[in-house]
Amino acid sequence: MSRCDTIIDNMAKKNNTKRKLVGLVSEESGIRLYYTKKNTMNTPDKLSLRKYDPVLRKHVVFTETKKNLGRNEVKEKKR
């Protein structure tokens, strides 16, 4: 089972838990590469993890965004 199949299977189940699926976006390249589950009761703040970015070929900081499976790139916020 691939990573994408696992994400879709998790979406199809009825969730009665406090764990939510979130996407992690590279701060330097802006591409969403990783997905993880987070307990929203214990960690209400945004996650910030240092992980490997294969596009840049180095470790960078990844921050939490909503899980939007339709696209990988994150748009700039309008201010």
C-alpha atoms as a PDB file:
ATOM      1  CA  MET A   1       0.000   0.000   0.000  1.00  0.00           C
ATOM      2  CA  SER A   2       1.502   3.348  -1.018  1.00  0.00           C
ATOM      3  CA  ARG A   3       1.564   6.517   1.039  1.00  0.00           C
ATOM      4  CA  CYS A   4      -1.238   8.048  -1.030  1.00  0.00           C
ATOM      5  CA  ASP A   5      -3.482   5.002  -0.526  1.00  0.00           C
ATOM      6  CA  THR A   6      -2.914   5.209   3.224  1.00  0.00           C
ATOM      7  CA  ILE A   7      -3.942   8.876   3.294  1.00  0.00           C
ATOM      8  CA  ILE A   8      -7.109   8.204   1.299  1.00  0.00           C
ATOM      9  CA  ASP A   9      -7.988   5.204   3.509  1.00  0.00           C
ATOM     10  CA  ASN A  10      -7.638   7.389   6.595  1.00  0.00           C
ATOM     11  CA  MET A  11      -9.944   9.988   5.063  1.00  0.00           C
ATOM     12  CA  ALA A  12     -12.655   7.417   4.348  1.00  0.00           C
ATOM     13  CA  LYS A  13     -12.869   6.219   7.951  1.00  0.00           C
ATOM     14  CA  LYS A  14     -15.110   7.979  10.411  1.00  0.00           C
ATOM     15  CA  ASN A  15     -12.819   9.773  12.829  1.00  0.00           C
ATOM     16  CA  ASN A  16     -13.894   9.993  16.444  1.00  0.00           C
ATOM     17  CA  THR A  17     -10.393  10.807  17.628  1.00  0.00           C
ATOM     18  CA  LYS A  18      -8.635  14.118  18.174  1.00  0.00           C
ATOM     19  CA  ARG A  19      -5.876  13.189  15.697  1.00  0.00           C
ATOM     20  CA  LYS A  20      -5.893  15.128  12.440  1.00  0.00           C
ATOM     21  CA  LEU A  21      -3.948  14.562   9.238  1.00  0.00           C
ATOM     22  CA  VAL A  22      -1.757  17.564   8.355  1.00  0.00           C
ATOM     23  CA  GLY A  23       0.601  18.308   5.485  1.00  0.00           C
ATOM     24  CA  LEU A  24       4.148  19.572   5.992  1.00  0.00           C
ATOM     25  CA  VAL A  25       5.466  22.232   3.607  1.00  0.00           C
ATOM     26  CA  SER A  26       9.116  23.094   3.055  1.00  0.00           C
ATOM     27  CA  GLU A  27       9.803  26.707   4.021  1.00  0.00           C
ATOM     28  CA  GLU A  28      12.530  27.072   1.393  1.00  0.00           C
ATOM     29  CA  SER A  29      11.045  25.329  -1.662  1.00  0.00           C
ATOM     30  CA  GLY A  30       7.328  25.706  -0.765  1.00  0.00           C
ATOM     31  CA  ILE A  31       6.454  22.132  -1.758  1.00  0.00           C
ATOM     32  CA  ARG A  32       4.294  19.840   0.372  1.00  0.00           C
ATOM     33  CA  LEU A  33       6.166  16.548   0.675  1.00  0.00           C
ATOM     34  CA  TYR A  34       5.281  14.975   4.006  1.00  0.00           C
ATOM     35  CA  TYR A  35       2.046  14.141   5.805  1.00  0.00           C
ATOM     36  CA  THR A  36       1.675  13.276   9.474  1.00  0.00           C
ATOM     37  CA  LYS A  37      -0.985  12.930  12.146  1.00  0.00           C
ATOM     38  CA  LYS A  38      -1.151  15.335  15.047  1.00  0.00           C
ATOM     39  CA  ASN A  39      -3.133  15.345  18.270  1.00  0.00           C
ATOM     40  CA  THR A  40      -4.879  18.718  18.281  1.00  0.00           C
ATOM     41  CA  MET A  41      -5.582  18.603  22.019  1.00  0.00           C
ATOM     42  CA  ASN A  42      -1.917  18.196  23.029  1.00  0.00           C
ATOM     43  CA  THR A  43      -0.358  20.406  20.343  1.00  0.00           C
ATOM     44  CA  PRO A  44      -2.672  23.247  19.303  1.00  0.00           C
ATOM     45  CA  ASP A  45       0.230  25.185  17.735  1.00  0.00           C
ATOM     46  CA  LYS A  46       1.540  24.559  14.235  1.00  0.00           C
ATOM     47  CA  LEU A  47       4.086  21.771  13.890  1.00  0.00           C
ATOM     48  CA  SER A  48       7.562  22.697  12.756  1.00  0.00           C
ATOM     49  CA  LEU A  49       9.883  19.788  11.943  1.00  0.00           C
ATOM     50  CA  ARG A  50      13.329  19.595  10.387  1.00  0.00           C
ATOM     51  CA  LYS A  51      13.185  17.027   7.570  1.00  0.00           C
ATOM     52  CA  TYR A  52      14.974  16.197   4.332  1.00  0.00           C
ATOM     53  CA  ASP A  53      13.928  18.067   1.178  1.00  0.00           C
ATOM     54  CA  PRO A  54      14.856  15.983  -1.900  1.00  0.00           C
ATOM     55  CA  VAL A  55      14.349  18.970  -4.225  1.00  0.00           C
ATOM     56  CA  LEU A  56      17.036  21.022  -2.464  1.00  0.00           C
ATOM     57  CA  ARG A  57      18.946  17.929  -1.290  1.00  0.00           C
ATOM     58  CA  LYS A  58      19.365  19.157   2.275  1.00  0.00           C
ATOM     59  CA  HIS A  59      17.536  19.264   5.603  1.00  0.00           C
ATOM     60  CA  VAL A  60      15.184  22.218   6.016  1.00  0.00           C
ATOM     61  CA  VAL A  61      12.323  23.242   8.302  1.00  0.00           C
ATOM     62  CA  PHE A  62       8.864  21.974   7.332  1.00  0.00           C
ATOM     63  CA  THR A  63       5.795  23.686   8.803  1.00  0.00           C
ATOM     64  CA  GLU A  64       2.240  22.451   9.131  1.00  0.00           C
ATOM     65  CA  THR A  65      -0.528  23.318   6.666  1.00  0.00           C
ATOM     66  CA  LYS A  66      -3.964  21.931   5.947  1.00  0.00           C
ATOM     67  CA  LYS A  67      -4.043  18.629   4.138  1.00  0.00           C
ATOM     68  CA  ASN A  68      -5.097  19.486   0.616  1.00  0.00           C
ATOM     69  CA  LEU A  69      -4.394  16.504  -1.606  1.00  0.00           C
ATOM     70  CA  GLY A  70      -5.232  18.307  -4.844  1.00  0.00           C
ATOM     71  CA  ARG A  71      -2.019  20.261  -5.254  1.00  0.00           C
ATOM     72  CA  ASN A  72       1.504  20.134  -3.888  1.00  0.00           C
ATOM     73  CA  GLU A  73       2.518  23.773  -4.109  1.00  0.00           C
ATOM     74  CA  VAL A  74       1.345  26.339  -1.581  1.00  0.00           C
ATOM     75  CA  LYS A  75       0.019  29.682  -2.798  1.00  0.00           C
ATOM     76  CA  GLU A  76       1.187  32.972  -1.291  1.00  0.00           C
ATOM     77  CA  LYS A  77      -1.208  34.563   1.190  1.00  0.00           C
ATOM     78  CA  LYS A  78      -2.908  37.764   0.080  1.00  0.00           C
ATOM     79  CA  ARG A  79      -2.420  40.558   2.579  1.00  0.00           C
END
